[in-house]
Amino acid sequence: MKAPRTVFVCQECGAQAPKWQGKCDDCGAWNSLVEERPAPGPAPGGAAPPNRYMHVGAGGTAQLYAEVETAAARRLSSGIGEFDRVLGGGIVPGSLVLLGGEPGIGKSTLLLQAAGLFATQMGALSPPGGPVLYASGEESEHQIKSRGDRLGVGSAPLYLLAETCIERILEEMSRLRPSLVIVDSIQTVFSLKFQSAPGSIGQVREAATQFLFAAKAQNIPTVLVGHVTKDGALAGPKVLEHVVDTVLYFEGDRHHSHRVVRAIKNRFGAVSELGVFEMTSSGLRAVANPSKLFLAERASGTPGSAVLCCVEGSRPILVEVQALVSTSSYGNARRMAIGIDQSRLALLLAVLEKRAGLNLAGDDVYVNVAGGMSVDETAADLSVLAAVASSVRNRALSPNTAVFGEVGLSGEIRGIPQAALRIREAAQMGFTRVVLPEANLDPADDPSDGRCELVGVRALGEALDVLLA
């Protein structure tokens, strides 16, 4: 009898090798090859097995574009406004959503809250909608129920299933006909068709594909929880992110009470949309005004502090950028950044030395975005340099001034998108002056309606003279 054929699959990129080797030839990862046994194919001369991926949609014939009805695909509210915002306005029927985040950040808490509120809304409809199915491969029903009691889920039509076999989960989906399915997590689910362990490349790919076609065929929105690696990326093959409709990242510092849900991919809404939550003893609470949260503990009149108007998706947010410049005690000056890119900080400090004449070669520079917020847009350049210059000169910026703008290598201040949205948010938060690129200054249109003094600048030296005057 011929022994079953095995292959070695890289758990980082999915590449296959006929024998084990210490390093993957495709991605260069070490000790990532795991032995797997592929699914059996058809016997020689026999009929091909039926294709389990045949029924993808509800119909098998092409449909004219003008005849497609979009009313049946209206969005459904999860009951949490911030979560709906990140999804692009609500849950789309038949969509597949992937939520990833660090262990203990609150993924299961958020989804259990959303499941309870969504089930309550569906039960209140006339006629009532389908229930919600919460399938967990990491916790028992009793553990989920104890958390639900703390979150106040109540008697909502919510079904709990402690199961890791995908065939059993799909059977329950066919039996219950739920209006929403939550799977926690995709790395714990396995298929009987494969003999590899749960969480392997083959198992994750198979589970994601099965849930995709079940969601599309039955028009059931499905949310998958994904683990992340030590580098912060979603564990499993890259095809997992390509298969799903929406990829969300749950971010936040465990030492801060607030959490951020960010959309990395969204076929039904804006990318980089942001939802802000606050962790409380009774669960996650949506924060309607993030600017007020991030500026609540700002100390006015302190050197090294600047207020940035940033935009995440379609939402403007005011955050505090802090900088500390001190004389280096060692031979090499240190550059540390929290909340912004380290390489971007090094570039900006070089521009500050060359174009503004500030000597920082022998000083340690520390930059932090207060509150644990992360900012990756170039509009933060001018506020970072303003905070650093304020710390160097030991002169505080005006507490009623907000700053934004991109800084080029020649020291010019470049225009940025959505300037009107930023100005309007600063005016609503009580700021009376905004320093911005001159390219974004439109004398005919004042988004603040006269509540803010708009100061346009063209060069870095001019901006620092205005801010530190």
Protein backbone atom coordinates (compact mmCIF):
# COMPACT_ATOMS: atom_id res chain seq x y z
CA MET A 1 0.00 0.00 0.00
CA LYS A 2 1.42 3.35 -1.04
CA ALA A 3 2.06 5.78 1.81
CA PRO A 4 0.03 9.01 1.68
CA ARG A 5 1.91 11.91 0.14
CA THR A 6 2.82 14.79 2.42
CA VAL A 7 4.02 18.31 1.74
CA PHE A 8 5.68 20.91 3.92
CA VAL A 9 3.85 24.25 3.96
CA CYS A 10 5.31 27.55 5.16
CA GLN A 11 3.10 29.01 7.87
CA GLU A 12 4.16 32.56 6.94
CA CYS A 13 3.57 32.74 3.18
CA GLY A 14 1.93 29.41 2.24
CA ALA A 15 4.73 28.16 -0.02
CA GLN A 16 5.05 24.37 -0.37
CA ALA A 17 8.18 22.21 -0.40
CA PRO A 18 8.54 18.45 -1.01
CA LYS A 19 10.76 18.01 2.08
CA TRP A 20 11.50 19.86 5.28
CA GLN A 21 14.07 22.62 5.27
CA GLY A 22 15.07 25.14 7.90
CA LYS A 23 14.40 28.25 5.79
CA CYS A 24 11.55 29.02 3.42
CA ASP A 25 12.89 29.78 -0.06
CA ASP A 26 10.02 32.19 -0.84
CA CYS A 27 9.75 34.48 2.21
CA GLY A 28 12.98 33.66 4.06
CA ALA A 29 11.28 32.71 7.35
CA TRP A 30 13.12 30.23 9.56
CA ASN A 31 11.52 27.10 11.04
CA SER A 32 8.16 27.90 9.44
CA LEU A 33 7.64 24.71 7.40
CA VAL A 34 5.05 22.34 8.85
CA GLU A 35 4.13 18.94 7.49
CA GLU A 36 0.62 18.75 6.04
CA ARG A 37 -1.30 16.13 4.13
CA PRO A 38 -3.22 17.52 1.17
CA ALA A 39 -6.84 16.69 0.48
CA PRO A 40 -7.25 13.40 -1.45
CA GLY A 41 -7.82 13.78 -5.16
CA PRO A 42 -9.87 11.56 -7.50
CA ALA A 43 -8.80 7.97 -7.96
CA PRO A 44 -7.06 7.12 -11.27
CA GLY A 45 -9.69 6.51 -13.91
CA GLY A 46 -12.50 7.42 -11.53
CA ALA A 47 -14.98 10.27 -11.61
CA ALA A 48 -13.96 13.61 -10.21
CA PRO A 49 -15.41 14.42 -6.78
CA PRO A 50 -18.17 17.01 -6.68
CA ASN A 51 -16.95 20.59 -6.37
CA ARG A 52 -17.86 21.88 -2.92
CA TYR A 53 -17.41 25.48 -4.12
CA MET A 54 -20.03 25.35 -6.89
CA HIS A 55 -22.85 27.31 -5.28
CA VAL A 56 -21.38 30.74 -4.61
CA GLY A 57 -24.36 33.02 -5.06
CA ALA A 58 -28.11 32.70 -4.88
CA GLY A 59 -28.53 32.32 -8.64
CA GLY A 60 -26.53 30.60 -11.34
CA THR A 61 -27.30 32.95 -14.25
CA ALA A 62 -25.92 36.36 -15.11
CA GLN A 63 -28.05 39.35 -14.19
CA LEU A 64 -28.28 42.67 -15.98
CA TYR A 65 -26.67 45.53 -14.06
CA ALA A 66 -29.77 47.75 -14.29
CA GLU A 67 -31.98 44.97 -12.92
CA VAL A 68 -29.99 44.34 -9.76
CA GLU A 69 -32.03 45.38 -6.72
CA THR A 70 -29.99 47.14 -4.04
CA ALA A 71 -32.90 47.66 -1.63
CA ALA A 72 -32.47 44.11 -0.33
CA ALA A 73 -28.84 44.88 0.52
CA ARG A 74 -29.54 47.79 2.86
CA ARG A 75 -27.20 48.11 5.82
CA LEU A 76 -28.13 46.83 9.25
CA SER A 77 -27.15 48.63 12.44
CA SER A 78 -25.06 46.71 14.97
CA GLY A 79 -26.43 48.86 17.78
CA ILE A 80 -23.01 50.50 18.36
CA GLY A 81 -22.62 53.72 16.41
CA GLU A 82 -18.81 53.74 16.39
CA PHE A 83 -18.71 50.17 15.08
CA ASP A 84 -21.20 51.08 12.33
CA ARG A 85 -19.03 54.06 11.38
CA VAL A 86 -15.95 51.86 10.87
CA LEU A 87 -17.97 49.42 8.76
CA GLY A 88 -19.03 52.28 6.49
CA GLY A 89 -22.51 52.89 7.88
CA GLY A 90 -23.61 49.51 9.16
CA ILE A 91 -23.44 45.77 8.49
CA VAL A 92 -23.93 44.75 4.86
CA PRO A 93 -25.95 41.51 4.43
CA GLY A 94 -23.79 38.71 3.07
CA SER A 95 -20.52 40.45 3.96
CA LEU A 96 -17.50 38.79 5.54
CA VAL A 97 -15.66 40.90 8.14
CA LEU A 98 -12.30 40.09 9.74
CA LEU A 99 -11.47 41.69 13.12
CA GLY A 100 -7.90 41.37 14.39
CA GLY A 101 -6.09 42.66 17.43
CA GLU A 102 -3.70 41.92 20.27
CA PRO A 103 -4.70 39.32 22.91
CA GLY A 104 -6.88 40.83 25.63
CA ILE A 105 -7.53 44.08 23.73
CA GLY A 106 -11.32 43.54 23.81
CA LYS A 107 -12.28 41.85 20.53
CA SER A 108 -14.60 39.30 22.12
CA THR A 109 -16.11 41.95 24.40
CA LEU A 110 -16.94 44.24 21.49
CA LEU A 111 -18.45 41.49 19.37
CA LEU A 112 -20.51 40.05 22.23
CA GLN A 113 -21.91 43.51 22.94
CA ALA A 114 -22.70 43.99 19.25
CA ALA A 115 -24.25 40.51 19.06
CA GLY A 116 -26.58 41.21 22.01
CA LEU A 117 -27.71 44.59 20.67
CA PHE A 118 -28.12 43.27 17.12
CA ALA A 119 -30.16 40.27 18.33
CA THR A 120 -32.40 42.57 20.37
CA GLN A 121 -33.05 44.77 17.33
CA MET A 122 -33.82 41.78 15.12
CA GLY A 123 -36.19 40.36 17.73
CA ALA A 124 -38.08 43.66 17.95
CA LEU A 125 -38.86 43.74 14.22
CA SER A 126 -42.28 42.81 12.89
CA PRO A 127 -42.02 40.05 11.80
CA PRO A 128 -38.95 39.22 13.92
CA GLY A 129 -35.65 38.69 12.16
CA GLY A 130 -33.35 35.75 12.58
CA PRO A 131 -31.31 35.18 15.74
CA VAL A 132 -27.56 35.73 16.15
CA LEU A 133 -25.15 32.79 16.26
CA TYR A 134 -21.97 33.26 18.32
CA ALA A 135 -19.58 30.36 17.67
CA SER A 136 -16.50 30.25 19.89
CA GLY A 137 -13.61 27.85 19.69
CA GLU A 138 -11.78 29.40 22.63
CA GLU A 139 -14.45 29.61 25.37
CA SER A 140 -17.32 27.48 26.63
CA GLU A 141 -20.93 28.64 26.71
CA HIS A 142 -20.66 29.24 30.47
CA GLN A 143 -17.65 31.54 30.03
CA ILE A 144 -19.40 33.52 27.32
CA LYS A 145 -22.58 33.73 29.40
CA SER A 146 -20.69 35.08 32.42
CA ARG A 147 -19.19 37.85 30.29
CA GLY A 148 -22.57 38.54 28.74
CA ASP A 149 -24.13 39.02 32.17
CA ARG A 150 -21.46 41.62 32.97
CA LEU A 151 -22.14 43.38 29.67
CA GLY A 152 -25.91 43.35 30.16
CA VAL A 153 -26.80 41.19 27.15
CA GLY A 154 -30.06 40.09 28.76
CA SER A 155 -32.56 37.75 27.08
CA ALA A 156 -31.73 38.61 23.47
CA PRO A 157 -32.23 35.84 20.83
CA LEU A 158 -28.53 34.99 20.88
CA TYR A 159 -27.37 31.40 20.36
CA LEU A 160 -24.00 30.29 21.74
CA LEU A 161 -22.03 27.44 20.17
CA ALA A 162 -18.73 26.16 21.57
CA GLU A 163 -17.44 24.38 18.47
CA THR A 164 -14.25 24.24 16.42
CA CYS A 165 -15.39 22.00 13.55
CA ILE A 166 -16.45 24.12 10.60
CA GLU A 167 -18.85 21.45 9.31
CA ARG A 168 -20.80 21.60 12.58
CA ILE A 169 -20.88 25.40 12.52
CA LEU A 170 -22.21 25.39 8.95
CA GLU A 171 -24.88 22.87 9.96
CA GLU A 172 -26.06 25.19 12.74
CA MET A 173 -26.12 28.10 10.30
CA SER A 174 -28.38 26.10 7.98
CA ARG A 175 -30.64 25.06 10.87
CA LEU A 176 -31.00 28.43 12.64
CA ARG A 177 -30.92 30.74 9.60
CA PRO A 178 -29.34 33.50 11.72
CA SER A 179 -29.22 37.17 10.78
CA LEU A 180 -25.59 37.44 11.97
CA VAL A 181 -22.79 34.93 12.62
CA ILE A 182 -19.69 35.61 14.75
CA VAL A 183 -16.78 33.13 14.75
CA ASP A 184 -14.19 33.54 17.52
CA SER A 185 -11.65 32.77 16.15
CA ILE A 186 -10.79 31.65 12.63
CA GLN A 187 -7.46 30.17 13.83
CA THR A 188 -9.24 27.67 16.10
CA VAL A 189 -11.59 26.34 13.42
CA PHE A 190 -10.66 23.18 11.51
CA SER A 191 -12.14 21.16 8.68
CA LEU A 192 -12.44 17.36 8.65
CA LYS A 193 -11.15 17.35 5.08
CA PHE A 194 -7.63 18.19 6.30
CA GLN A 195 -5.48 16.36 8.83
CA SER A 196 -3.34 19.37 9.72
CA ALA A 197 -3.72 21.18 13.02
CA PRO A 198 -6.09 24.16 13.46
CA GLY A 199 -4.42 27.45 12.64
CA SER A 200 -2.26 26.05 9.84
CA ILE A 201 -2.22 27.60 6.39
CA GLY A 202 -4.47 24.95 4.86
CA GLN A 203 -7.01 25.01 7.67
CA VAL A 204 -7.29 28.81 7.80
CA ARG A 205 -7.63 29.05 4.02
CA GLU A 206 -10.28 26.32 3.93
CA ALA A 207 -12.27 27.79 6.84
CA ALA A 208 -12.24 31.31 5.40
CA THR A 209 -13.35 30.05 1.99
CA GLN A 210 -16.16 27.96 3.47
CA PHE A 211 -17.47 30.89 5.52
CA LEU A 212 -17.20 33.18 2.50
CA PHE A 213 -19.42 31.02 0.31
CA ALA A 214 -21.85 30.30 3.16
CA ALA A 215 -22.23 34.04 3.82
CA LYS A 216 -22.76 34.88 0.14
CA ALA A 217 -25.09 31.97 -0.62
CA GLN A 218 -27.33 32.49 2.43
CA ASN A 219 -26.92 36.30 2.58
CA ILE A 220 -25.76 36.13 6.21
CA PRO A 221 -23.23 38.70 7.46
CA THR A 222 -20.35 36.92 9.15
CA VAL A 223 -17.66 38.34 11.45
CA LEU A 224 -14.42 36.42 11.93
CA VAL A 225 -11.97 37.11 14.77
CA GLY A 226 -8.33 36.79 13.73
CA HIS A 227 -5.19 36.40 15.81
CA VAL A 228 -2.15 38.57 15.18
CA THR A 229 1.53 37.67 15.13
CA LYS A 230 4.22 39.20 17.31
CA ASP A 231 4.83 41.74 14.51
CA GLY A 232 1.21 42.91 14.69
CA ALA A 233 0.10 41.40 11.36
CA LEU A 234 -2.87 39.06 11.02
CA ALA A 235 -1.83 35.44 11.47
CA GLY A 236 -2.42 33.03 8.61
CA PRO A 237 -2.05 33.30 4.85
CA LYS A 238 -2.33 36.64 3.09
CA VAL A 239 -5.23 35.22 1.11
CA LEU A 240 -7.29 35.54 4.31
CA GLU A 241 -7.29 39.34 3.96
CA HIS A 242 -8.06 39.10 0.24
CA VAL A 243 -11.04 36.80 0.76
CA VAL A 244 -12.90 38.94 3.29
CA ASP A 245 -14.79 42.13 2.44
CA THR A 246 -13.60 44.19 5.41
CA VAL A 247 -10.48 44.03 7.57
CA LEU A 248 -10.60 45.79 10.95
CA TYR A 249 -7.80 46.21 13.46
CA PHE A 250 -8.51 46.65 17.16
CA GLU A 251 -5.74 48.87 18.57
CA GLY A 252 -4.98 50.42 21.92
CA ASP A 253 -2.62 50.50 24.85
CA ARG A 254 -3.53 48.29 27.79
CA HIS A 255 -2.48 51.10 30.12
CA HIS A 256 -5.06 53.46 28.55
CA SER A 257 -8.79 53.10 28.85
CA HIS A 258 -9.61 53.90 25.23
CA ARG A 259 -9.51 51.54 22.26
CA VAL A 260 -9.48 52.28 18.53
CA VAL A 261 -11.02 50.18 15.74
CA ARG A 262 -9.45 51.03 12.38
CA ALA A 263 -10.58 49.86 8.92
CA ILE A 264 -7.64 48.65 6.82
CA LYS A 265 -9.76 47.30 3.96
CA ASN A 266 -13.42 47.98 3.26
CA ARG A 267 -15.31 47.20 0.09
CA PHE A 268 -18.37 49.03 1.39
CA GLY A 269 -16.88 52.16 2.98
CA ALA A 270 -13.89 54.41 3.51
CA VAL A 271 -10.50 52.91 4.27
CA SER A 272 -8.74 54.14 7.46
CA GLU A 273 -12.09 54.94 9.08
CA LEU A 274 -11.79 55.13 12.83
CA GLY A 275 -14.02 54.23 15.75
CA VAL A 276 -13.06 55.18 19.32
CA PHE A 277 -14.20 53.28 22.41
CA GLU A 278 -13.55 53.55 26.12
CA MET A 279 -13.10 50.40 28.19
CA THR A 280 -15.24 50.43 31.33
CA SER A 281 -16.23 47.88 33.94
CA SER A 282 -19.44 47.19 32.01
CA GLY A 283 -17.80 46.81 28.61
CA LEU A 284 -16.82 49.11 25.77
CA ARG A 285 -18.48 52.51 25.55
CA ALA A 286 -18.52 54.44 22.28
CA VAL A 287 -16.80 57.84 22.39
CA ALA A 288 -18.75 60.37 20.34
CA ASN A 289 -16.14 63.16 20.67
CA PRO A 290 -12.61 61.71 20.46
CA SER A 291 -10.98 65.15 20.33
CA LYS A 292 -12.31 65.95 23.80
CA LEU A 293 -10.99 62.63 25.08
CA PHE A 294 -7.45 63.08 23.72
CA LEU A 295 -7.17 66.71 24.85
CA ALA A 296 -8.76 66.25 28.28
CA GLU A 297 -5.47 66.18 30.21
CA ARG A 298 -3.49 68.63 28.09
CA ALA A 299 -1.44 71.06 30.18
CA SER A 300 -1.55 74.59 28.75
CA GLY A 301 1.52 76.79 28.75
CA THR A 302 4.00 73.91 28.72
CA PRO A 303 6.90 73.96 26.21
CA GLY A 304 7.08 71.04 23.80
CA SER A 305 3.34 70.65 23.20
CA ALA A 306 1.40 71.24 19.98
CA VAL A 307 -2.17 70.41 18.96
CA LEU A 308 -2.55 68.55 15.64
CA CYS A 309 -5.68 68.42 13.49
CA CYS A 310 -5.52 64.95 11.92
CA VAL A 311 -8.13 63.11 9.87
CA GLU A 312 -8.80 59.39 10.17
CA GLY A 313 -11.05 58.23 7.35
CA SER A 314 -13.83 60.83 7.35
CA ARG A 315 -13.42 61.88 10.99
CA PRO A 316 -11.31 64.85 12.14
CA ILE A 317 -9.57 64.36 15.49
CA LEU A 318 -7.49 66.76 17.57
CA VAL A 319 -4.53 65.16 19.35
CA GLU A 320 -1.62 66.51 21.37
CA VAL A 321 1.91 66.02 20.03
CA GLN A 322 4.52 66.20 22.79
CA ALA A 323 8.27 66.61 22.34
CA LEU A 324 11.16 66.61 24.79
CA VAL A 325 14.67 67.68 23.79
CA SER A 326 17.45 67.17 26.34
CA THR A 327 21.23 67.15 26.23
CA SER A 328 22.61 63.71 25.51
CA SER A 329 24.64 62.13 28.31
CA TYR A 330 26.31 59.70 25.93
CA GLY A 331 28.17 60.04 22.68
CA ASN A 332 25.23 59.15 20.41
CA ALA A 333 22.02 61.17 20.51
CA ARG A 334 18.81 59.16 20.76
CA ARG A 335 15.71 59.57 18.62
CA MET A 336 12.55 57.95 19.96
CA ALA A 337 8.99 58.27 18.68
CA ILE A 338 5.70 56.86 19.97
CA GLY A 339 2.64 57.28 17.77
CA ILE A 340 4.50 58.43 14.63
CA ASP A 341 6.94 56.75 12.28
CA GLN A 342 10.52 56.69 13.57
CA SER A 343 12.01 57.19 10.11
CA ARG A 344 9.73 60.16 9.47
CA LEU A 345 10.92 61.77 12.70
CA ALA A 346 14.57 61.42 11.67
CA LEU A 347 13.79 63.06 8.32
CA LEU A 348 11.93 65.96 9.95
CA LEU A 349 14.72 66.61 12.44
CA ALA A 350 17.22 66.81 9.57
CA VAL A 351 14.99 69.39 7.86
CA LEU A 352 14.70 71.34 11.13
CA GLU A 353 18.48 71.50 11.53
CA LYS A 354 19.19 72.40 7.89
CA ARG A 355 16.34 74.83 7.15
CA ALA A 356 15.62 76.39 10.56
CA GLY A 357 19.14 76.47 11.97
CA LEU A 358 18.41 74.50 15.17
CA ASN A 359 21.34 72.33 16.19
CA LEU A 360 20.09 68.98 17.54
CA ALA A 361 23.13 66.82 16.84
CA GLY A 362 24.07 66.45 20.51
CA ASP A 363 20.54 66.29 21.94
CA ASP A 364 18.17 63.42 22.66
CA VAL A 365 14.76 63.93 21.02
CA TYR A 366 11.63 62.15 22.25
CA VAL A 367 8.27 62.59 20.50
CA ASN A 368 4.96 61.17 21.71
CA VAL A 369 1.35 61.40 20.56
CA ALA A 370 -0.48 61.68 23.89
CA GLY A 371 -3.21 59.20 24.72
CA GLY A 372 -1.78 56.26 22.77
CA MET A 373 -3.05 57.49 19.41
CA SER A 374 -1.09 56.59 16.24
CA VAL A 375 -0.83 59.11 13.39
CA ASP A 376 0.63 58.10 10.03
CA GLU A 377 -0.34 61.01 7.77
CA THR A 378 2.12 63.67 6.60
CA ALA A 379 -0.16 66.44 7.91
CA ALA A 380 1.47 65.86 11.31
CA ASP A 381 4.88 67.12 10.12
CA LEU A 382 4.45 70.77 11.08
CA SER A 383 3.03 70.00 14.52
CA VAL A 384 5.93 67.63 15.29
CA LEU A 385 8.51 70.24 14.33
CA ALA A 386 6.62 72.95 16.23
CA ALA A 387 6.66 70.81 19.39
CA VAL A 388 10.38 70.05 18.99
CA ALA A 389 11.26 73.72 18.38
CA SER A 390 9.13 74.73 21.36
CA SER A 391 11.05 72.32 23.60
CA VAL A 392 14.44 73.48 22.26
CA ARG A 393 13.69 77.14 22.85
CA ASN A 394 11.76 76.42 26.07
CA ARG A 395 8.92 78.59 24.82
CA ALA A 396 5.34 77.37 24.91
CA LEU A 397 2.94 77.62 21.99
CA SER A 398 -0.34 79.42 22.44
CA PRO A 399 -2.84 76.99 24.03
CA ASN A 400 -5.54 78.19 21.60
CA THR A 401 -3.51 77.36 18.45
CA ALA A 402 -3.87 74.23 16.33
CA VAL A 403 -1.36 73.22 13.67
CA PHE A 404 -1.23 70.99 10.60
CA GLY A 405 0.78 70.83 7.38
CA GLU A 406 3.27 68.71 5.44
CA VAL A 407 6.93 69.74 5.48
CA GLY A 408 9.10 69.13 2.40
CA LEU A 409 12.83 68.51 2.33
CA SER A 410 13.51 72.07 1.22
CA GLY A 411 11.56 73.43 4.20
CA GLU A 412 8.41 74.35 2.27
CA ILE A 413 4.97 73.82 3.82
CA ARG A 414 2.84 71.80 1.41
CA GLY A 415 -0.91 71.70 1.22
CA ILE A 416 -2.86 68.71 2.52
CA PRO A 417 -6.33 67.29 1.81
CA GLN A 418 -9.49 67.94 3.84
CA ALA A 419 -8.24 71.19 5.36
CA ALA A 420 -11.78 72.56 5.79
CA LEU A 421 -12.76 69.52 7.87
CA ARG A 422 -9.79 70.08 10.18
CA ILE A 423 -10.47 73.79 10.61
CA ARG A 424 -14.11 73.17 11.41
CA GLU A 425 -13.20 70.63 14.12
CA ALA A 426 -10.67 73.02 15.67
CA ALA A 427 -13.26 75.80 15.79
CA GLN A 428 -15.82 73.50 17.42
CA MET A 429 -13.27 72.58 20.11
CA GLY A 430 -12.73 76.25 20.98
CA PHE A 431 -9.42 76.99 19.23
CA THR A 432 -9.10 80.59 18.04
CA ARG A 433 -6.11 80.27 15.69
CA VAL A 434 -5.07 77.66 13.13
CA VAL A 435 -1.67 77.64 11.44
CA LEU A 436 -1.93 75.84 8.12
CA PRO A 437 -0.27 75.71 4.68
CA GLU A 438 -0.88 78.77 2.57
CA ALA A 439 -2.03 76.49 -0.27
CA ASN A 440 -5.02 75.48 1.88
CA LEU A 441 -5.94 79.07 2.73
CA ASP A 442 -9.03 80.18 0.79
CA PRO A 443 -10.03 83.80 1.57
CA ALA A 444 -13.44 83.30 -0.05
CA ASP A 445 -14.38 80.37 2.17
CA ASP A 446 -13.86 80.26 5.94
CA PRO A 447 -14.95 76.85 7.33
CA SER A 448 -14.84 78.24 10.89
CA ASP A 449 -17.32 81.06 10.09
CA GLY A 450 -15.01 83.64 11.59
CA ARG A 451 -14.43 81.81 14.87
CA CYS A 452 -10.76 81.06 14.06
CA GLU A 453 -7.90 83.19 12.78
CA LEU A 454 -6.42 81.30 9.83
CA VAL A 455 -2.67 81.89 9.37
CA GLY A 456 -1.17 80.55 6.15
CA VAL A 457 2.57 79.79 6.02
CA ARG A 458 4.83 78.86 3.12
CA ALA A 459 8.14 77.89 4.77
CA LEU A 460 9.26 76.23 7.99
CA GLY A 461 11.08 79.30 9.29
CA GLU A 462 7.99 81.46 8.75
CA ALA A 463 5.81 78.92 10.57
CA LEU A 464 8.12 78.78 13.59
CA ASP A 465 8.22 82.60 13.77
CA VAL A 466 4.42 82.68 13.86
CA LEU A 467 4.08 79.87 16.41
CA LEU A 468 6.85 80.92 18.78
CA ALA A 469 6.40 84.68 18.55
